[in-house]
Amino acid sequence: MSHQERSSVRAAYIHKAEHLGERMLMLQWWAAYLDANRMAAITPFDYAKINSSFR
């Protein structure tokens, strides 16, 4: 197909960069969750319920 990348190496890097914004948000959320666990034990589910700033 003409829309597919011919180089598999190039295609892999394009695919990685495609969702970079979502990955950054996920890592920021995870870092904030870990910081919250320093103060008190909390599950990711409970943390998500009380913290809507990443949505």
N, C-alpha and C. Protein backbone atom coordinates (compact mmCIF):
# COMPACT_ATOMS: atom_id res chain seq x y z
N MET A 1 0.84 -1.19 0.00
CA MET A 1 0.00 0.00 0.00
C MET A 1 0.88 1.24 0.00
N SER A 2 0.45 2.24 -0.67
CA SER A 2 1.27 3.44 -0.82
C SER A 2 1.37 4.27 0.45
N HIS A 3 0.43 4.14 1.38
CA HIS A 3 0.47 4.95 2.60
C HIS A 3 1.28 4.31 3.72
N GLN A 4 1.80 3.12 3.52
CA GLN A 4 2.61 2.47 4.54
C GLN A 4 4.07 2.89 4.42
N GLU A 5 4.72 2.97 5.56
CA GLU A 5 6.15 3.31 5.59
C GLU A 5 6.95 2.13 5.08
N ARG A 6 7.90 2.40 4.20
CA ARG A 6 8.69 1.32 3.60
C ARG A 6 9.78 0.82 4.54
N SER A 7 10.34 1.69 5.32
CA SER A 7 11.41 1.30 6.24
C SER A 7 10.79 0.91 7.58
N SER A 8 11.04 -0.30 8.03
CA SER A 8 10.46 -0.74 9.30
C SER A 8 11.04 0.03 10.48
N VAL A 9 12.30 0.46 10.38
CA VAL A 9 12.91 1.25 11.45
C VAL A 9 12.24 2.61 11.53
N ARG A 10 12.08 3.26 10.42
CA ARG A 10 11.42 4.57 10.39
C ARG A 10 9.98 4.45 10.88
N ALA A 11 9.29 3.42 10.47
CA ALA A 11 7.90 3.22 10.89
C ALA A 11 7.81 3.05 12.41
N ALA A 12 8.77 2.37 13.00
CA ALA A 12 8.76 2.18 14.46
C ALA A 12 8.89 3.51 15.19
N TYR A 13 9.76 4.38 14.71
CA TYR A 13 9.94 5.67 15.37
C TYR A 13 8.75 6.59 15.14
N ILE A 14 8.15 6.54 13.99
CA ILE A 14 6.96 7.35 13.74
C ILE A 14 5.84 6.89 14.67
N HIS A 15 5.70 5.59 14.84
CA HIS A 15 4.66 5.06 15.72
C HIS A 15 4.89 5.50 17.16
N LYS A 16 6.14 5.51 17.62
CA LYS A 16 6.44 5.93 18.99
C LYS A 16 6.07 7.39 19.21
N ALA A 17 6.35 8.23 18.24
CA ALA A 17 6.09 9.66 18.38
C ALA A 17 4.62 10.00 18.23
N GLU A 18 3.86 9.09 17.67
CA GLU A 18 2.45 9.35 17.38
C GLU A 18 1.64 9.66 18.64
N HIS A 19 1.91 9.00 19.73
CA HIS A 19 1.13 9.17 20.96
C HIS A 19 1.97 9.78 22.08
N LEU A 20 2.92 10.61 21.74
CA LEU A 20 3.82 11.18 22.72
C LEU A 20 3.08 12.04 23.75
N GLY A 21 2.11 12.81 23.32
CA GLY A 21 1.35 13.65 24.24
C GLY A 21 0.61 12.84 25.29
N GLU A 22 -0.02 11.75 24.86
CA GLU A 22 -0.74 10.89 25.79
C GLU A 22 0.22 10.22 26.77
N ARG A 23 1.39 9.82 26.27
CA ARG A 23 2.39 9.19 27.15
C ARG A 23 2.87 10.17 28.21
N MET A 24 3.08 11.42 27.81
CA MET A 24 3.54 12.42 28.77
C MET A 24 2.50 12.63 29.86
N LEU A 25 1.23 12.73 29.48
CA LEU A 25 0.16 12.89 30.48
C LEU A 25 0.09 11.69 31.42
N MET A 26 0.24 10.50 30.86
CA MET A 26 0.19 9.30 31.69
C MET A 26 1.34 9.28 32.70
N LEU A 27 2.54 9.65 32.26
CA LEU A 27 3.68 9.67 33.17
C LEU A 27 3.56 10.77 34.21
N GLN A 28 2.99 11.92 33.84
CA GLN A 28 2.76 12.98 34.81
C GLN A 28 1.76 12.54 35.86
N TRP A 29 0.70 11.85 35.43
CA TRP A 29 -0.29 11.34 36.37
C TRP A 29 0.34 10.33 37.31
N TRP A 30 1.15 9.43 36.77
CA TRP A 30 1.79 8.39 37.59
C TRP A 30 2.73 9.02 38.61
N ALA A 31 3.49 10.04 38.22
CA ALA A 31 4.39 10.72 39.14
C ALA A 31 3.61 11.39 40.27
N ALA A 32 2.49 12.03 39.92
CA ALA A 32 1.66 12.67 40.95
C ALA A 32 1.06 11.62 41.88
N TYR A 33 0.67 10.48 41.33
CA TYR A 33 0.13 9.39 42.14
C TYR A 33 1.19 8.88 43.12
N LEU A 34 2.41 8.70 42.65
CA LEU A 34 3.48 8.24 43.53
C LEU A 34 3.77 9.26 44.63
N ASP A 35 3.74 10.55 44.28
CA ASP A 35 3.92 11.59 45.30
C ASP A 35 2.82 11.53 46.35
N ALA A 36 1.59 11.29 45.92
CA ALA A 36 0.47 11.20 46.86
C ALA A 36 0.65 10.00 47.79
N ASN A 37 1.27 8.95 47.32
CA ASN A 37 1.50 7.76 48.15
C ASN A 37 2.58 7.99 49.19
N ARG A 38 3.38 9.02 49.03
CA ARG A 38 4.36 9.34 50.07
C ARG A 38 3.66 9.82 51.33
N MET A 39 2.54 10.52 51.14
CA MET A 39 1.81 11.07 52.28
C MET A 39 0.90 10.03 52.92
N ALA A 40 0.23 9.24 52.12
CA ALA A 40 -0.68 8.20 52.63
C ALA A 40 -0.89 7.16 51.54
N ALA A 41 -1.12 5.93 51.96
CA ALA A 41 -1.35 4.86 50.99
C ALA A 41 -2.69 5.07 50.30
N ILE A 42 -2.68 5.02 48.98
CA ILE A 42 -3.89 5.20 48.19
C ILE A 42 -3.77 4.35 46.93
N THR A 43 -4.88 3.77 46.51
CA THR A 43 -4.85 2.95 45.30
C THR A 43 -4.94 3.86 44.07
N PRO A 44 -4.48 3.41 42.92
CA PRO A 44 -4.61 4.23 41.71
C PRO A 44 -6.07 4.56 41.40
N PHE A 45 -6.97 3.61 41.66
CA PHE A 45 -8.39 3.85 41.41
C PHE A 45 -8.93 4.98 42.29
N ASP A 46 -8.61 4.93 43.58
CA ASP A 46 -9.08 5.98 44.49
C ASP A 46 -8.43 7.32 44.16
N TYR A 47 -7.16 7.30 43.80
CA TYR A 47 -6.48 8.54 43.43
C TYR A 47 -7.14 9.16 42.20
N ALA A 48 -7.50 8.35 41.23
CA ALA A 48 -8.14 8.86 40.01
C ALA A 48 -9.50 9.48 40.33
N LYS A 49 -10.21 8.92 41.31
CA LYS A 49 -11.52 9.47 41.67
C LYS A 49 -11.39 10.86 42.28
N ILE A 50 -10.33 11.10 43.08
CA ILE A 50 -10.21 12.39 43.76
C ILE A 50 -9.40 13.41 42.96
N ASN A 51 -8.68 12.97 41.96
CA ASN A 51 -7.83 13.87 41.19
C ASN A 51 -8.26 13.87 39.74
N SER A 52 -8.96 14.91 39.34
CA SER A 52 -9.45 14.98 37.96
C SER A 52 -8.66 16.00 37.13
N SER A 53 -7.53 16.47 37.62
CA SER A 53 -6.78 17.51 36.91
C SER A 53 -6.12 17.02 35.64
N PHE A 54 -5.99 15.71 35.45
CA PHE A 54 -5.33 15.18 34.26
C PHE A 54 -6.31 14.74 33.19
N ARG A 55 -7.56 14.96 33.38
CA ARG A 55 -8.57 14.53 32.39
C ARG A 55 -8.79 15.55 31.34
